[in-house]
Amino acid sequence: MAASATLSSKFQISLPKAVREAQHWQAGQEFVFIPKGKGVLLMPVPELGDLAGIAEGAHTDAVRDREDRY
């Protein structure tokens, strides 16, 4: 999907409707900007409930303890 937008004089960008609908983004949703080279990555900030169980099944055998740190 190729879409473009123009930066306004107030440094605002409107996200194209096709992008908003494809990503299921809603008004009032929070985003984070991550610099990547000469560009930026726009990512929605996940809700706390969406993170529940994200590390399920992770192996913790090799996890260092505070005593292992310098």
PDB file of N, CA and C in Angstrom:
ATOM      1  N   MET A   1       0.850  -1.169   0.000  1.00  0.00           N
ATOM      2  CA  MET A   1       0.000   0.000   0.000  1.00  0.00           C
ATOM      3  C   MET A   1       0.897   1.233   0.000  1.00  0.00           C
ATOM      4  N   ALA A   2       0.833   2.039  -1.018  1.00  0.00           N
ATOM      5  CA  ALA A   2       1.596   3.276  -1.091  1.00  0.00           C
ATOM      6  C   ALA A   2       0.646   4.444  -0.867  1.00  0.00           C
ATOM      7  N   ALA A   3       0.928   5.227   0.138  1.00  0.00           N
ATOM      8  CA  ALA A   3       0.111   6.398   0.434  1.00  0.00           C
ATOM      9  C   ALA A   3       1.052   7.511   0.854  1.00  0.00           C
ATOM     10  N   SER A   4       0.638   8.744   0.656  1.00  0.00           N
ATOM     11  CA  SER A   4       1.485   9.859   1.047  1.00  0.00           C
ATOM     12  C   SER A   4       0.651  10.914   1.760  1.00  0.00           C
ATOM     13  N   ALA A   5       1.345  11.788   2.484  1.00  0.00           N
ATOM     14  CA  ALA A   5       0.707  12.894   3.189  1.00  0.00           C
ATOM     15  C   ALA A   5       1.673  14.060   3.185  1.00  0.00           C
ATOM     16  N   THR A   6       1.166  15.271   3.413  1.00  0.00           N
ATOM     17  CA  THR A   6       1.981  16.473   3.405  1.00  0.00           C
ATOM     18  C   THR A   6       2.026  17.068   4.808  1.00  0.00           C
ATOM     19  N   LEU A   7       3.219  17.468   5.218  1.00  0.00           N
ATOM     20  CA  LEU A   7       3.405  18.106   6.517  1.00  0.00           C
ATOM     21  C   LEU A   7       2.834  19.520   6.444  1.00  0.00           C
ATOM     22  N   SER A   8       1.926  19.844   7.368  1.00  0.00           N
ATOM     23  CA  SER A   8       1.287  21.164   7.356  1.00  0.00           C
ATOM     24  C   SER A   8       2.199  22.222   7.963  1.00  0.00           C
ATOM     25  N   SER A   9       1.790  23.482   7.868  1.00  0.00           N
ATOM     26  CA  SER A   9       2.564  24.586   8.439  1.00  0.00           C
ATOM     27  C   SER A   9       2.616  24.501   9.965  1.00  0.00           C
ATOM     28  N   LYS A  10       1.716  23.715  10.559  1.00  0.00           N
ATOM     29  CA  LYS A  10       1.705  23.493  12.010  1.00  0.00           C
ATOM     30  C   LYS A  10       2.419  22.184  12.368  1.00  0.00           C
ATOM     31  N   PHE A  11       3.155  21.629  11.396  1.00  0.00           N
ATOM     32  CA  PHE A  11       3.916  20.380  11.564  1.00  0.00           C
ATOM     33  C   PHE A  11       3.008  19.200  11.923  1.00  0.00           C
ATOM     34  N   GLN A  12       1.863  19.131  11.288  1.00  0.00           N
ATOM     35  CA  GLN A  12       0.920  18.039  11.489  1.00  0.00           C
ATOM     36  C   GLN A  12       0.788  17.248  10.195  1.00  0.00           C
ATOM     37  N   ILE A  13       0.513  15.943  10.355  1.00  0.00           N
ATOM     38  CA  ILE A  13       0.285  15.062   9.214  1.00  0.00           C
ATOM     39  C   ILE A  13      -1.017  14.317   9.443  1.00  0.00           C
ATOM     40  N   SER A  14      -1.866  14.282   8.432  1.00  0.00           N
ATOM     41  CA  SER A  14      -3.085  13.479   8.499  1.00  0.00           C
ATOM     42  C   SER A  14      -2.785  12.128   7.879  1.00  0.00           C
ATOM     43  N   LEU A  15      -3.088  11.080   8.596  1.00  0.00           N
ATOM     44  CA  LEU A  15      -2.858   9.727   8.084  1.00  0.00           C
ATOM     45  C   LEU A  15      -3.921   9.397   7.040  1.00  0.00           C
ATOM     46  N   PRO A  16      -3.517   8.908   5.898  1.00  0.00           N
ATOM     47  CA  PRO A  16      -4.490   8.555   4.866  1.00  0.00           C
ATOM     48  C   PRO A  16      -5.498   7.518   5.373  1.00  0.00           C
ATOM     49  N   LYS A  17      -6.736   7.668   4.942  1.00  0.00           N
ATOM     50  CA  LYS A  17      -7.817   6.797   5.384  1.00  0.00           C
ATOM     51  C   LYS A  17      -7.508   5.324   5.110  1.00  0.00           C
ATOM     52  N   ALA A  18      -6.927   5.017   3.957  1.00  0.00           N
ATOM     53  CA  ALA A  18      -6.612   3.619   3.620  1.00  0.00           C
ATOM     54  C   ALA A  18      -5.644   3.017   4.639  1.00  0.00           C
ATOM     55  N   VAL A  19      -4.668   3.816   5.106  1.00  0.00           N
ATOM     56  CA  VAL A  19      -3.697   3.335   6.098  1.00  0.00           C
ATOM     57  C   VAL A  19      -4.396   3.119   7.435  1.00  0.00           C
ATOM     58  N   ARG A  20      -5.189   4.110   7.866  1.00  0.00           N
ATOM     59  CA  ARG A  20      -5.906   3.998   9.154  1.00  0.00           C
ATOM     60  C   ARG A  20      -6.799   2.765   9.186  1.00  0.00           C
ATOM     61  N   GLU A  21      -7.522   2.547   8.112  1.00  0.00           N
ATOM     62  CA  GLU A  21      -8.443   1.406   8.072  1.00  0.00           C
ATOM     63  C   GLU A  21      -7.691   0.083   8.023  1.00  0.00           C
ATOM     64  N   ALA A  22      -6.616   0.016   7.255  1.00  0.00           N
ATOM     65  CA  ALA A  22      -5.850  -1.225   7.137  1.00  0.00           C
ATOM     66  C   ALA A  22      -5.208  -1.609   8.469  1.00  0.00           C
ATOM     67  N   GLN A  23      -4.794  -0.603   9.255  1.00  0.00           N
ATOM     68  CA  GLN A  23      -4.129  -0.849  10.530  1.00  0.00           C
ATOM     69  C   GLN A  23      -5.102  -0.854  11.712  1.00  0.00           C
ATOM     70  N   HIS A  24      -6.362  -0.534  11.465  1.00  0.00           N
ATOM     71  CA  HIS A  24      -7.395  -0.466  12.511  1.00  0.00           C
ATOM     72  C   HIS A  24      -7.036   0.562  13.585  1.00  0.00           C
ATOM     73  N   TRP A  25      -6.478   1.696  13.153  1.00  0.00           N
ATOM     74  CA  TRP A  25      -6.127   2.774  14.078  1.00  0.00           C
ATOM     75  C   TRP A  25      -7.349   3.630  14.328  1.00  0.00           C
ATOM     76  N   GLN A  26      -7.478   4.129  15.573  1.00  0.00           N
ATOM     77  CA  GLN A  26      -8.626   4.919  15.985  1.00  0.00           C
ATOM     78  C   GLN A  26      -8.181   6.297  16.458  1.00  0.00           C
ATOM     79  N   ALA A  27      -9.088   7.262  16.417  1.00  0.00           N
ATOM     80  CA  ALA A  27      -8.804   8.606  16.920  1.00  0.00           C
ATOM     81  C   ALA A  27      -8.482   8.524  18.404  1.00  0.00           C
ATOM     82  N   GLY A  28      -7.490   9.263  18.842  1.00  0.00           N
ATOM     83  CA  GLY A  28      -7.089   9.269  20.245  1.00  0.00           C
ATOM     84  C   GLY A  28      -6.054   8.214  20.599  1.00  0.00           C
ATOM     85  N   GLN A  29      -5.735   7.337  19.666  1.00  0.00           N
ATOM     86  CA  GLN A  29      -4.745   6.288  19.911  1.00  0.00           C
ATOM     87  C   GLN A  29      -3.363   6.918  20.012  1.00  0.00           C
ATOM     88  N   GLU A  30      -2.522   6.405  20.925  1.00  0.00           N
ATOM     89  CA  GLU A  30      -1.187   6.942  21.149  1.00  0.00           C
ATOM     90  C   GLU A  30      -0.165   6.214  20.274  1.00  0.00           C
ATOM     91  N   PHE A  31       0.807   6.984  19.761  1.00  0.00           N
ATOM     92  CA  PHE A  31       1.846   6.434  18.897  1.00  0.00           C
ATOM     93  C   PHE A  31       3.213   6.847  19.391  1.00  0.00           C
ATOM     94  N   VAL A  32       4.233   6.086  18.985  1.00  0.00           N
ATOM     95  CA  VAL A  32       5.613   6.416  19.291  1.00  0.00           C
ATOM     96  C   VAL A  32       6.352   6.533  17.959  1.00  0.00           C
ATOM     97  N   PHE A  33       7.302   7.485  17.897  1.00  0.00           N
ATOM     98  CA  PHE A  33       8.112   7.702  16.705  1.00  0.00           C
ATOM     99  C   PHE A  33       9.512   7.174  16.983  1.00  0.00           C
ATOM    100  N   ILE A  34       9.992   6.263  16.139  1.00  0.00           N
ATOM    101  CA  ILE A  34      11.300   5.638  16.315  1.00  0.00           C
ATOM    102  C   ILE A  34      12.176   6.034  15.123  1.00  0.00           C
ATOM    103  N   PRO A  35      13.238   6.825  15.388  1.00  0.00           N
ATOM    104  CA  PRO A  35      14.118   7.237  14.284  1.00  0.00           C
ATOM    105  C   PRO A  35      14.790   6.022  13.631  1.00  0.00           C
ATOM    106  N   LYS A  36      14.796   5.985  12.307  1.00  0.00           N
ATOM    107  CA  LYS A  36      15.424   4.910  11.525  1.00  0.00           C
ATOM    108  C   LYS A  36      16.154   5.526  10.344  1.00  0.00           C
ATOM    109  N   GLY A  37      17.468   5.731  10.491  1.00  0.00           N
ATOM    110  CA  GLY A  37      18.238   6.333   9.403  1.00  0.00           C
ATOM    111  C   GLY A  37      17.721   7.718   9.075  1.00  0.00           C
ATOM    112  N   LYS A  38      17.312   7.920   7.812  1.00  0.00           N
ATOM    113  CA  LYS A  38      16.789   9.217   7.386  1.00  0.00           C
ATOM    114  C   LYS A  38      15.275   9.292   7.510  1.00  0.00           C
ATOM    115  N   GLY A  39      14.665   8.247   8.080  1.00  0.00           N
ATOM    116  CA  GLY A  39      13.218   8.209   8.221  1.00  0.00           C
ATOM    117  C   GLY A  39      12.798   7.992   9.662  1.00  0.00           C
ATOM    118  N   VAL A  40      11.572   7.629   9.818  1.00  0.00           N
ATOM    119  CA  VAL A  40      11.020   7.381  11.150  1.00  0.00           C
ATOM    120  C   VAL A  40       9.986   6.267  11.056  1.00  0.00           C
ATOM    121  N   LEU A  41       9.950   5.432  12.081  1.00  0.00           N
ATOM    122  CA  LEU A  41       8.982   4.338  12.160  1.00  0.00           C
ATOM    123  C   LEU A  41       7.877   4.774  13.107  1.00  0.00           C
ATOM    124  N   LEU A  42       6.648   4.684  12.678  1.00  0.00           N
ATOM    125  CA  LEU A  42       5.486   5.063  13.477  1.00  0.00           C
ATOM    126  C   LEU A  42       4.835   3.795  13.999  1.00  0.00           C
ATOM    127  N   MET A  43       4.786   3.653  15.328  1.00  0.00           N
ATOM    128  CA  MET A  43       4.225   2.444  15.933  1.00  0.00           C
ATOM    129  C   MET A  43       3.173   2.817  16.967  1.00  0.00           C
ATOM    130  N   PRO A  44       2.031   2.118  16.992  1.00  0.00           N
ATOM    131  CA  PRO A  44       1.055   2.377  18.044  1.00  0.00           C
ATOM    132  C   PRO A  44       1.574   1.842  19.374  1.00  0.00           C
ATOM    133  N   VAL A  45       1.314   2.578  20.441  1.00  0.00           N
ATOM    134  CA  VAL A  45       1.693   2.137  21.781  1.00  0.00           C
ATOM    135  C   VAL A  45       0.645   1.102  22.209  1.00  0.00           C
ATOM    136  N   PRO A  46       1.074  -0.112  22.570  1.00  0.00           N
ATOM    137  CA  PRO A  46       0.098  -1.142  22.932  1.00  0.00           C
ATOM    138  C   PRO A  46      -0.566  -0.855  24.277  1.00  0.00           C
ATOM    139  N   GLU A  47      -1.789  -1.300  24.413  1.00  0.00           N
ATOM    140  CA  GLU A  47      -2.498  -1.224  25.692  1.00  0.00           C
ATOM    141  C   GLU A  47      -1.870  -2.252  26.622  1.00  0.00           C
ATOM    142  N   LEU A  48      -1.890  -2.005  27.913  1.00  0.00           N
ATOM    143  CA  LEU A  48      -1.290  -2.911  28.886  1.00  0.00           C
ATOM    144  C   LEU A  48      -1.888  -4.315  28.778  1.00  0.00           C
ATOM    145  N   GLY A  49      -3.179  -4.402  28.564  1.00  0.00           N
ATOM    146  CA  GLY A  49      -3.845  -5.697  28.441  1.00  0.00           C
ATOM    147  C   GLY A  49      -3.390  -6.492  27.221  1.00  0.00           C
ATOM    148  N   ASP A  50      -2.963  -5.791  26.173  1.00  0.00           N
ATOM    149  CA  ASP A  50      -2.486  -6.455  24.961  1.00  0.00           C
ATOM    150  C   ASP A  50      -1.149  -7.148  25.185  1.00  0.00           C
ATOM    151  N   LEU A  51      -0.417  -6.760  26.231  1.00  0.00           N
ATOM    152  CA  LEU A  51       0.899  -7.332  26.500  1.00  0.00           C
ATOM    153  C   LEU A  51       0.830  -8.578  27.385  1.00  0.00           C
ATOM    154  N   ALA A  52      -0.332  -8.852  27.964  1.00  0.00           N
ATOM    155  CA  ALA A  52      -0.487 -10.007  28.841  1.00  0.00           C
ATOM    156  C   ALA A  52      -0.196 -11.292  28.071  1.00  0.00           C
ATOM    157  N   GLY A  53       0.715 -12.106  28.603  1.00  0.00           N
ATOM    158  CA  GLY A  53       1.040 -13.388  28.002  1.00  0.00           C
ATOM    159  C   GLY A  53       2.026 -13.309  26.859  1.00  0.00           C
ATOM    160  N   ILE A  54       2.599 -12.139  26.597  1.00  0.00           N
ATOM    161  CA  ILE A  54       3.492 -11.979  25.447  1.00  0.00           C
ATOM    162  C   ILE A  54       4.765 -12.819  25.585  1.00  0.00           C
ATOM    163  N   ALA A  55       5.208 -13.097  26.824  1.00  0.00           N
ATOM    164  CA  ALA A  55       6.440 -13.860  27.035  1.00  0.00           C
ATOM    165  C   ALA A  55       6.152 -15.308  27.448  1.00  0.00           C
ATOM    166  N   GLU A  56       4.934 -15.729  27.248  1.00  0.00           N
ATOM    167  CA  GLU A  56       4.559 -17.095  27.612  1.00  0.00           C
ATOM    168  C   GLU A  56       5.422 -18.094  26.840  1.00  0.00           C
ATOM    169  N   GLY A  57       6.012 -19.028  27.550  1.00  0.00           N
ATOM    170  CA  GLY A  57       6.844 -20.045  26.927  1.00  0.00           C
ATOM    171  C   GLY A  57       8.291 -19.624  26.750  1.00  0.00           C
ATOM    172  N   ALA A  58       8.641 -18.430  27.212  1.00  0.00           N
ATOM    173  CA  ALA A  58      10.027 -17.967  27.082  1.00  0.00           C
ATOM    174  C   ALA A  58      10.922 -18.769  28.017  1.00  0.00           C
ATOM    175  N   HIS A  59      12.113 -19.088  27.561  1.00  0.00           N
ATOM    176  CA  HIS A  59      13.070 -19.836  28.375  1.00  0.00           C
ATOM    177  C   HIS A  59      13.837 -18.860  29.264  1.00  0.00           C
ATOM    178  N   THR A  60      13.800 -19.094  30.574  1.00  0.00           N
ATOM    179  CA  THR A  60      14.458 -18.192  31.521  1.00  0.00           C
ATOM    180  C   THR A  60      15.700 -18.823  32.133  1.00  0.00           C
ATOM    181  N   ASP A  61      16.167 -19.930  31.579  1.00  0.00           N
ATOM    182  CA  ASP A  61      17.338 -20.621  32.129  1.00  0.00           C
ATOM    183  C   ASP A  61      18.588 -19.750  32.073  1.00  0.00           C
ATOM    184  N   ALA A  62      18.757 -18.990  31.004  1.00  0.00           N
ATOM    185  CA  ALA A  62      19.981 -18.218  30.823  1.00  0.00           C
ATOM    186  C   ALA A  62      19.828 -16.759  31.255  1.00  0.00           C
ATOM    187  N   VAL A  63      18.754 -16.447  31.965  1.00  0.00           N
ATOM    188  CA  VAL A  63      18.533 -15.070  32.417  1.00  0.00           C
ATOM    189  C   VAL A  63      19.476 -14.772  33.573  1.00  0.00           C
ATOM    190  N   ARG A  64      20.181 -13.640  33.450  1.00  0.00           N
ATOM    191  CA  ARG A  64      21.120 -13.264  34.507  1.00  0.00           C
ATOM    192  C   ARG A  64      20.380 -12.653  35.685  1.00  0.00           C
ATOM    193  N   ASP A  65      20.948 -12.842  36.860  1.00  0.00           N
ATOM    194  CA  ASP A  65      20.403 -12.255  38.073  1.00  0.00           C
ATOM    195  C   ASP A  65      21.179 -10.978  38.371  1.00  0.00           C
ATOM    196  N   ARG A  66      20.706 -10.169  39.276  1.00  0.00           N
ATOM    197  CA  ARG A  66      21.409  -8.944  39.639  1.00  0.00           C
ATOM    198  C   ARG A  66      22.821  -9.232  40.129  1.00  0.00           C
ATOM    199  N   GLU A  67      23.022 -10.381  40.779  1.00  0.00           N
ATOM    200  CA  GLU A  67      24.341 -10.728  41.299  1.00  0.00           C
ATOM    201  C   GLU A  67      25.340 -10.980  40.174  1.00  0.00           C
ATOM    202  N   ASP A  68      24.854 -11.303  38.969  1.00  0.00           N
ATOM    203  CA  ASP A  68      25.720 -11.574  37.830  1.00  0.00           C
ATOM    204  C   ASP A  68      26.189 -10.304  37.133  1.00  0.00           C
ATOM    205  N   ARG A  69      25.615  -9.160  37.489  1.00  0.00           N
ATOM    206  CA  ARG A  69      25.932  -7.913  36.799  1.00  0.00           C
ATOM    207  C   ARG A  69      27.113  -7.214  37.460  1.00  0.00           C
ATOM    208  N   TYR A  70      27.745  -6.355  36.711  1.00  0.00           N
ATOM    209  CA  TYR A  70      28.890  -5.616  37.227  1.00  0.00           C
ATOM    210  C   TYR A  70      28.448  -4.508  38.171  1.00  0.00           C
TER     211      TYR A  70
END
